[in-house]
């Protein structure tokens, strides 16, 4: 199932994000957001894991690893993703959907 998750995440365009739940719902058969989160934690090179955020735009990774959260924020900012708080993107402005 991880390969399907990775394939979906690779389709998220630069400057856009999707929530873990959105990614899970876009895959057939649907997978839980938790599975998407686990897959992102071990995403191979070439998978833009930083484009997957919480449903409210939060970067939940900051609870687990502040350095990865900083990297995610920097990558998203470099792509033009707007933030409303330190660890929260303006999800309505940059949400991607299929």
C-alpha atoms as a PDB file:
ATOM      1  CA  UNK A   1       0.000   0.000   0.000  1.00  0.00           C
ATOM      2  CA  UNK A   2       2.913   2.371   0.616  1.00  0.00           C
ATOM      3  CA  UNK A   3       3.685   2.448  -3.105  1.00  0.00           C
ATOM      4  CA  UNK A   4       0.172   3.721  -3.835  1.00  0.00           C
ATOM      5  CA  UNK A   5       0.531   6.354  -1.123  1.00  0.00           C
ATOM      6  CA  UNK A   6       3.909   7.474  -2.486  1.00  0.00           C
ATOM      7  CA  UNK A   7       2.543   7.625  -6.039  1.00  0.00           C
ATOM      8  CA  UNK A   8      -0.308   9.876  -4.893  1.00  0.00           C
ATOM      9  CA  UNK A   9       1.983  12.189  -2.923  1.00  0.00           C
ATOM     10  CA  UNK A  10       4.249  12.554  -5.968  1.00  0.00           C
ATOM     11  CA  UNK A  11       1.250  14.036  -7.814  1.00  0.00           C
ATOM     12  CA  UNK A  12       0.890  16.954  -5.384  1.00  0.00           C
ATOM     13  CA  UNK A  13       2.173  19.991  -7.285  1.00  0.00           C
ATOM     14  CA  UNK A  14       4.856  22.312  -6.002  1.00  0.00           C
ATOM     15  CA  UNK A  15       3.315  25.022  -3.792  1.00  0.00           C
ATOM     16  CA  UNK A  16       0.335  22.856  -2.824  1.00  0.00           C
ATOM     17  CA  UNK A  17      -0.399  20.539   0.098  1.00  0.00           C
ATOM     18  CA  UNK A  18      -2.815  17.764   0.943  1.00  0.00           C
ATOM     19  CA  UNK A  19      -3.829  16.437   4.320  1.00  0.00           C
ATOM     20  CA  UNK A  20      -3.037  12.901   5.399  1.00  0.00           C
ATOM     21  CA  UNK A  21      -6.749  12.144   5.165  1.00  0.00           C
ATOM     22  CA  UNK A  22      -7.065  13.604   1.677  1.00  0.00           C
ATOM     23  CA  UNK A  23      -4.226  11.443   0.428  1.00  0.00           C
ATOM     24  CA  UNK A  24      -5.827   8.368   1.995  1.00  0.00           C
ATOM     25  CA  UNK A  25      -9.207   9.152   0.424  1.00  0.00           C
ATOM     26  CA  UNK A  26      -7.663   9.677  -3.014  1.00  0.00           C
ATOM     27  CA  UNK A  27      -6.313   6.118  -3.069  1.00  0.00           C
ATOM     28  CA  UNK A  28      -8.415   3.122  -4.064  1.00  0.00           C
ATOM     29  CA  UNK A  29      -9.165   1.387  -1.832  1.00  0.00           C
ATOM     30  CA  UNK A  30      -9.125   4.200   0.716  1.00  0.00           C
ATOM     31  CA  UNK A  31      -6.545   4.057   3.464  1.00  0.00           C
ATOM     32  CA  UNK A  32      -6.643   5.682   6.908  1.00  0.00           C
ATOM     33  CA  UNK A  33      -4.798   8.945   7.489  1.00  0.00           C
ATOM     34  CA  UNK A  34      -2.677   7.131  10.080  1.00  0.00           C
ATOM     35  CA  UNK A  35      -1.311   4.829   7.370  1.00  0.00           C
ATOM     36  CA  UNK A  36      -0.426   7.843   5.237  1.00  0.00           C
ATOM     37  CA  UNK A  37       1.387   9.378   8.197  1.00  0.00           C
ATOM     38  CA  UNK A  38       3.379   6.221   8.777  1.00  0.00           C
ATOM     39  CA  UNK A  39       4.283   6.032   5.104  1.00  0.00           C
ATOM     40  CA  UNK A  40       5.459   9.655   5.135  1.00  0.00           C
ATOM     41  CA  UNK A  41       7.683   8.904   8.135  1.00  0.00           C
ATOM     42  CA  UNK A  42       9.629   6.462   5.978  1.00  0.00           C
ATOM     43  CA  UNK A  43       9.202   8.051   2.554  1.00  0.00           C
ATOM     44  CA  UNK A  44      12.009   7.259   0.132  1.00  0.00           C
ATOM     45  CA  UNK A  45      13.998   9.900  -1.707  1.00  0.00           C
ATOM     46  CA  UNK A  46      11.937  11.530  -4.425  1.00  0.00           C
ATOM     47  CA  UNK A  47       8.666  11.548  -2.478  1.00  0.00           C
ATOM     48  CA  UNK A  48       7.734  15.109  -1.447  1.00  0.00           C
ATOM     49  CA  UNK A  49       6.671  14.160   2.093  1.00  0.00           C
ATOM     50  CA  UNK A  50       6.712  17.814   3.168  1.00  0.00           C
ATOM     51  CA  UNK A  51       3.585  18.489   1.076  1.00  0.00           C
ATOM     52  CA  UNK A  52       1.449  16.328   3.387  1.00  0.00           C
ATOM     53  CA  UNK A  53       0.090  18.141   6.443  1.00  0.00           C
ATOM     54  CA  UNK A  54      -2.626  17.816   9.054  1.00  0.00           C
ATOM     55  CA  UNK A  55      -6.273  18.434   8.134  1.00  0.00           C
ATOM     56  CA  UNK A  56      -6.114  21.880   9.723  1.00  0.00           C
ATOM     57  CA  UNK A  57      -2.809  22.742   8.048  1.00  0.00           C
ATOM     58  CA  UNK A  58      -0.689  21.810  11.062  1.00  0.00           C
ATOM     59  CA  UNK A  59       2.737  20.200  10.777  1.00  0.00           C
ATOM     60  CA  UNK A  60       2.315  17.355  13.271  1.00  0.00           C
ATOM     61  CA  UNK A  61       5.887  16.213  12.708  1.00  0.00           C
ATOM     62  CA  UNK A  62       7.108  18.986  15.033  1.00  0.00           C
ATOM     63  CA  UNK A  63       5.934  16.903  18.000  1.00  0.00           C
ATOM     64  CA  UNK A  64       8.190  14.027  16.946  1.00  0.00           C
ATOM     65  CA  UNK A  65      11.163  15.834  15.463  1.00  0.00           C
ATOM     66  CA  UNK A  66      11.564  19.625  15.604  1.00  0.00           C
ATOM     67  CA  UNK A  67      14.380  19.534  13.049  1.00  0.00           C
ATOM     68  CA  UNK A  68      12.231  17.740  10.489  1.00  0.00           C
ATOM     69  CA  UNK A  69       9.443  20.249  11.174  1.00  0.00           C
ATOM     70  CA  UNK A  70      11.888  23.057  10.454  1.00  0.00           C
ATOM     71  CA  UNK A  71      12.931  21.323   7.225  1.00  0.00           C
ATOM     72  CA  UNK A  72       9.292  20.820   6.224  1.00  0.00           C
ATOM     73  CA  UNK A  73       8.501  24.482   6.899  1.00  0.00           C
ATOM     74  CA  UNK A  74      11.546  25.664   4.929  1.00  0.00           C
ATOM     75  CA  UNK A  75      10.704  23.429   1.959  1.00  0.00           C
ATOM     76  CA  UNK A  76       7.085  24.607   1.937  1.00  0.00           C
ATOM     77  CA  UNK A  77       8.080  28.276   2.234  1.00  0.00           C
ATOM     78  CA  UNK A  78      10.534  27.802  -0.650  1.00  0.00           C
ATOM     79  CA  UNK A  79       7.617  26.532  -2.745  1.00  0.00           C
ATOM     80  CA  UNK A  80       5.502  29.568  -1.834  1.00  0.00           C
ATOM     81  CA  UNK A  81       3.157  27.868   0.648  1.00  0.00           C
ATOM     82  CA  UNK A  82       1.779  30.505   3.048  1.00  0.00           C
ATOM     83  CA  UNK A  83       1.785  29.970   6.806  1.00  0.00           C
ATOM     84  CA  UNK A  84      -0.632  31.343   9.406  1.00  0.00           C
ATOM     85  CA  UNK A  85       1.412  30.130  12.394  1.00  0.00           C
ATOM     86  CA  UNK A  86       4.892  28.709  12.901  1.00  0.00           C
ATOM     87  CA  UNK A  87       3.742  25.106  12.376  1.00  0.00           C
ATOM     88  CA  UNK A  88       0.549  25.652  10.407  1.00  0.00           C
ATOM     89  CA  UNK A  89       0.028  26.354   6.701  1.00  0.00           C
ATOM     90  CA  UNK A  90      -2.855  28.403   5.328  1.00  0.00           C
ATOM     91  CA  UNK A  91      -4.527  25.196   4.179  1.00  0.00           C
ATOM     92  CA  UNK A  92      -7.459  26.817   2.377  1.00  0.00           C
ATOM     93  CA  UNK A  93      -5.080  28.835   0.214  1.00  0.00           C
ATOM     94  CA  UNK A  94      -2.846  25.981  -0.855  1.00  0.00           C
ATOM     95  CA  UNK A  95      -4.915  22.771  -0.588  1.00  0.00           C
ATOM     96  CA  UNK A  96      -4.663  20.526  -3.620  1.00  0.00           C
ATOM     97  CA  UNK A  97      -7.393  18.089  -4.572  1.00  0.00           C
ATOM     98  CA  UNK A  98      -7.832  15.501  -7.276  1.00  0.00           C
END
